[in-house]
Amino acid sequence: MKYSYYRLLDHKYCGLIVRSGQGKEEYYNTEDHQWYETGVMIRYYSDESDQYGMYEEVTEKEAQEAIK
């Protein structure tokens, strides 16, 4: 499965890695090293949100480096 990866940049979730693919969105939990389903990206896509656009798309390699 091909994923897109995002690093969140807002104050609350700064540095959180999210992956998205085939209608499924997950965040990486660094405490137990697992991926969990989430819907957090809606906050970053909605232009009515304070968190709109506060993310950057990263490569899979950059995401893997960030979650080590």
N, C-alpha and C. Protein backbone atom coordinates (compact mmCIF):
# COMPACT_ATOMS: atom_id res chain seq x y z
N MET A 1 0.84 -1.18 0.00
CA MET A 1 0.00 0.00 0.00
C MET A 1 0.89 1.25 0.00
N LYS A 2 0.51 2.22 -0.79
CA LYS A 2 1.26 3.47 -0.86
C LYS A 2 0.67 4.48 0.12
N TYR A 3 1.51 5.08 0.92
CA TYR A 3 1.09 6.07 1.91
C TYR A 3 1.66 7.44 1.59
N SER A 4 0.97 8.46 2.07
CA SER A 4 1.49 9.82 2.13
C SER A 4 1.79 10.07 3.60
N TYR A 5 2.86 10.79 3.88
CA TYR A 5 3.27 11.05 5.26
C TYR A 5 3.28 12.55 5.53
N TYR A 6 2.88 12.91 6.74
CA TYR A 6 2.80 14.31 7.14
C TYR A 6 3.42 14.50 8.52
N ARG A 7 4.07 15.62 8.72
CA ARG A 7 4.58 16.03 10.04
C ARG A 7 3.74 17.24 10.45
N LEU A 8 3.11 17.15 11.62
CA LEU A 8 2.28 18.24 12.10
C LEU A 8 3.15 19.32 12.73
N LEU A 9 2.75 20.58 12.54
CA LEU A 9 3.60 21.71 12.92
C LEU A 9 2.98 22.64 13.96
N ASP A 10 1.74 22.38 14.36
CA ASP A 10 1.10 23.26 15.33
C ASP A 10 1.66 23.01 16.73
N HIS A 11 1.31 23.87 17.67
CA HIS A 11 1.83 23.78 19.03
C HIS A 11 1.43 22.48 19.73
N LYS A 12 0.17 22.08 19.59
CA LYS A 12 -0.34 20.92 20.32
C LYS A 12 0.24 19.60 19.82
N TYR A 13 0.35 19.43 18.51
CA TYR A 13 0.78 18.16 17.94
C TYR A 13 2.12 18.23 17.21
N CYS A 14 2.90 19.24 17.49
CA CYS A 14 4.15 19.47 16.78
C CYS A 14 5.03 18.21 16.72
N GLY A 15 5.39 17.81 15.51
CA GLY A 15 6.26 16.67 15.31
C GLY A 15 5.55 15.35 15.13
N LEU A 16 4.25 15.29 15.39
CA LEU A 16 3.50 14.04 15.24
C LEU A 16 3.54 13.62 13.77
N ILE A 17 3.81 12.35 13.52
CA ILE A 17 3.84 11.82 12.16
C ILE A 17 2.51 11.12 11.89
N VAL A 18 1.90 11.49 10.76
CA VAL A 18 0.64 10.91 10.33
C VAL A 18 0.86 10.31 8.94
N ARG A 19 0.31 9.13 8.73
CA ARG A 19 0.36 8.54 7.38
C ARG A 19 -1.08 8.33 6.91
N SER A 20 -1.24 8.47 5.61
CA SER A 20 -2.56 8.38 5.01
C SER A 20 -2.49 7.56 3.74
N GLY A 21 -3.43 6.63 3.59
CA GLY A 21 -3.47 5.82 2.38
C GLY A 21 -4.73 5.00 2.31
N GLN A 22 -5.31 4.92 1.14
CA GLN A 22 -6.52 4.15 0.86
C GLN A 22 -7.64 4.46 1.84
N GLY A 23 -7.86 5.75 2.10
CA GLY A 23 -8.95 6.17 2.96
C GLY A 23 -8.71 5.95 4.44
N LYS A 24 -7.51 5.55 4.81
CA LYS A 24 -7.18 5.28 6.21
C LYS A 24 -6.11 6.27 6.65
N GLU A 25 -6.29 6.81 7.83
CA GLU A 25 -5.34 7.78 8.38
C GLU A 25 -4.89 7.28 9.74
N GLU A 26 -3.58 7.30 9.97
CA GLU A 26 -3.03 6.79 11.23
C GLU A 26 -1.94 7.72 11.75
N TYR A 27 -1.78 7.77 13.07
CA TYR A 27 -0.66 8.50 13.65
C TYR A 27 0.26 7.49 14.33
N TYR A 28 1.53 7.87 14.48
CA TYR A 28 2.51 6.99 15.08
C TYR A 28 2.70 7.36 16.54
N ASN A 29 2.54 6.38 17.42
CA ASN A 29 2.73 6.57 18.85
C ASN A 29 4.15 6.15 19.21
N THR A 30 4.97 7.11 19.61
CA THR A 30 6.38 6.81 19.91
C THR A 30 6.55 6.05 21.22
N GLU A 31 5.53 6.05 22.07
CA GLU A 31 5.65 5.32 23.34
C GLU A 31 5.58 3.81 23.15
N ASP A 32 4.69 3.33 22.30
CA ASP A 32 4.58 1.89 22.10
C ASP A 32 4.92 1.45 20.67
N HIS A 33 5.36 2.41 19.85
CA HIS A 33 5.83 2.13 18.48
C HIS A 33 4.78 1.45 17.61
N GLN A 34 3.55 1.95 17.69
CA GLN A 34 2.44 1.41 16.91
C GLN A 34 1.74 2.53 16.14
N TRP A 35 1.07 2.16 15.07
CA TRP A 35 0.23 3.08 14.30
C TRP A 35 -1.21 2.94 14.78
N TYR A 36 -1.90 4.07 14.97
CA TYR A 36 -3.29 4.07 15.42
C TYR A 36 -4.13 4.94 14.50
N GLU A 37 -5.37 4.47 14.24
CA GLU A 37 -6.27 5.25 13.39
C GLU A 37 -6.60 6.59 14.04
N THR A 38 -6.74 7.60 13.22
CA THR A 38 -7.04 8.94 13.69
C THR A 38 -7.81 9.71 12.62
N GLY A 39 -8.36 10.80 12.99
CA GLY A 39 -9.02 11.70 12.04
C GLY A 39 -8.48 13.10 12.20
N VAL A 40 -7.29 13.22 12.76
CA VAL A 40 -6.71 14.51 13.12
C VAL A 40 -6.48 15.43 11.93
N MET A 41 -6.25 14.90 10.75
CA MET A 41 -5.89 15.75 9.62
C MET A 41 -7.02 16.67 9.17
N ILE A 42 -8.26 16.36 9.52
CA ILE A 42 -9.38 17.24 9.15
C ILE A 42 -9.15 18.65 9.70
N ARG A 43 -8.49 18.74 10.83
CA ARG A 43 -8.18 20.05 11.43
C ARG A 43 -7.22 20.86 10.56
N TYR A 44 -6.39 20.18 9.83
CA TYR A 44 -5.35 20.83 9.03
C TYR A 44 -5.81 21.12 7.60
N TYR A 45 -6.88 20.45 7.18
CA TYR A 45 -7.42 20.65 5.83
C TYR A 45 -8.52 21.71 5.79
N SER A 46 -9.18 21.96 6.92
CA SER A 46 -10.31 22.89 6.96
C SER A 46 -9.83 24.33 7.13
N ASP A 47 -10.17 25.20 6.18
CA ASP A 47 -9.73 26.59 6.27
C ASP A 47 -10.43 27.37 7.39
N GLU A 48 -11.37 26.74 8.07
CA GLU A 48 -12.03 27.37 9.21
C GLU A 48 -11.35 27.01 10.53
N SER A 49 -10.33 26.17 10.48
CA SER A 49 -9.63 25.71 11.68
C SER A 49 -8.40 26.57 11.97
N ASP A 50 -8.09 26.73 13.25
CA ASP A 50 -6.87 27.43 13.67
C ASP A 50 -5.61 26.66 13.25
N GLN A 51 -5.76 25.38 12.95
CA GLN A 51 -4.62 24.54 12.59
C GLN A 51 -4.48 24.36 11.08
N TYR A 52 -5.29 25.07 10.31
CA TYR A 52 -5.29 24.94 8.85
C TYR A 52 -3.88 25.11 8.28
N GLY A 53 -3.46 24.12 7.50
CA GLY A 53 -2.19 24.19 6.79
C GLY A 53 -0.95 24.03 7.65
N MET A 54 -1.10 23.72 8.92
CA MET A 54 0.05 23.62 9.82
C MET A 54 0.63 22.20 9.82
N TYR A 55 1.02 21.77 8.65
CA TYR A 55 1.65 20.46 8.47
C TYR A 55 2.56 20.56 7.25
N GLU A 56 3.45 19.59 7.14
CA GLU A 56 4.27 19.49 5.95
C GLU A 56 4.27 18.04 5.50
N GLU A 57 4.23 17.85 4.20
CA GLU A 57 4.33 16.50 3.67
C GLU A 57 5.80 16.10 3.68
N VAL A 58 6.07 14.88 4.13
CA VAL A 58 7.44 14.37 4.20
C VAL A 58 7.50 13.05 3.44
N THR A 59 8.70 12.66 3.09
CA THR A 59 8.89 11.38 2.42
C THR A 59 8.79 10.25 3.44
N GLU A 60 8.64 9.03 2.95
CA GLU A 60 8.60 7.89 3.85
C GLU A 60 9.91 7.79 4.62
N LYS A 61 11.01 8.06 3.96
CA LYS A 61 12.32 8.01 4.62
C LYS A 61 12.39 9.05 5.75
N GLU A 62 11.93 10.27 5.49
CA GLU A 62 11.92 11.32 6.52
C GLU A 62 11.02 10.92 7.69
N ALA A 63 9.89 10.31 7.39
CA ALA A 63 8.98 9.85 8.44
C ALA A 63 9.64 8.78 9.29
N GLN A 64 10.29 7.83 8.64
CA GLN A 64 10.98 6.76 9.39
C GLN A 64 12.07 7.32 10.28
N GLU A 65 12.81 8.30 9.80
CA GLU A 65 13.86 8.93 10.62
C GLU A 65 13.25 9.63 11.82
N ALA A 66 12.12 10.28 11.63
CA ALA A 66 11.47 11.04 12.70
C ALA A 66 10.91 10.15 13.80
N ILE A 67 10.53 8.91 13.48
CA ILE A 67 9.90 8.05 14.48
C ILE A 67 10.87 7.04 15.10
N LYS A 68 12.11 7.12 14.76
CA LYS A 68 13.11 6.22 15.37
C LYS A 68 13.23 6.46 16.84
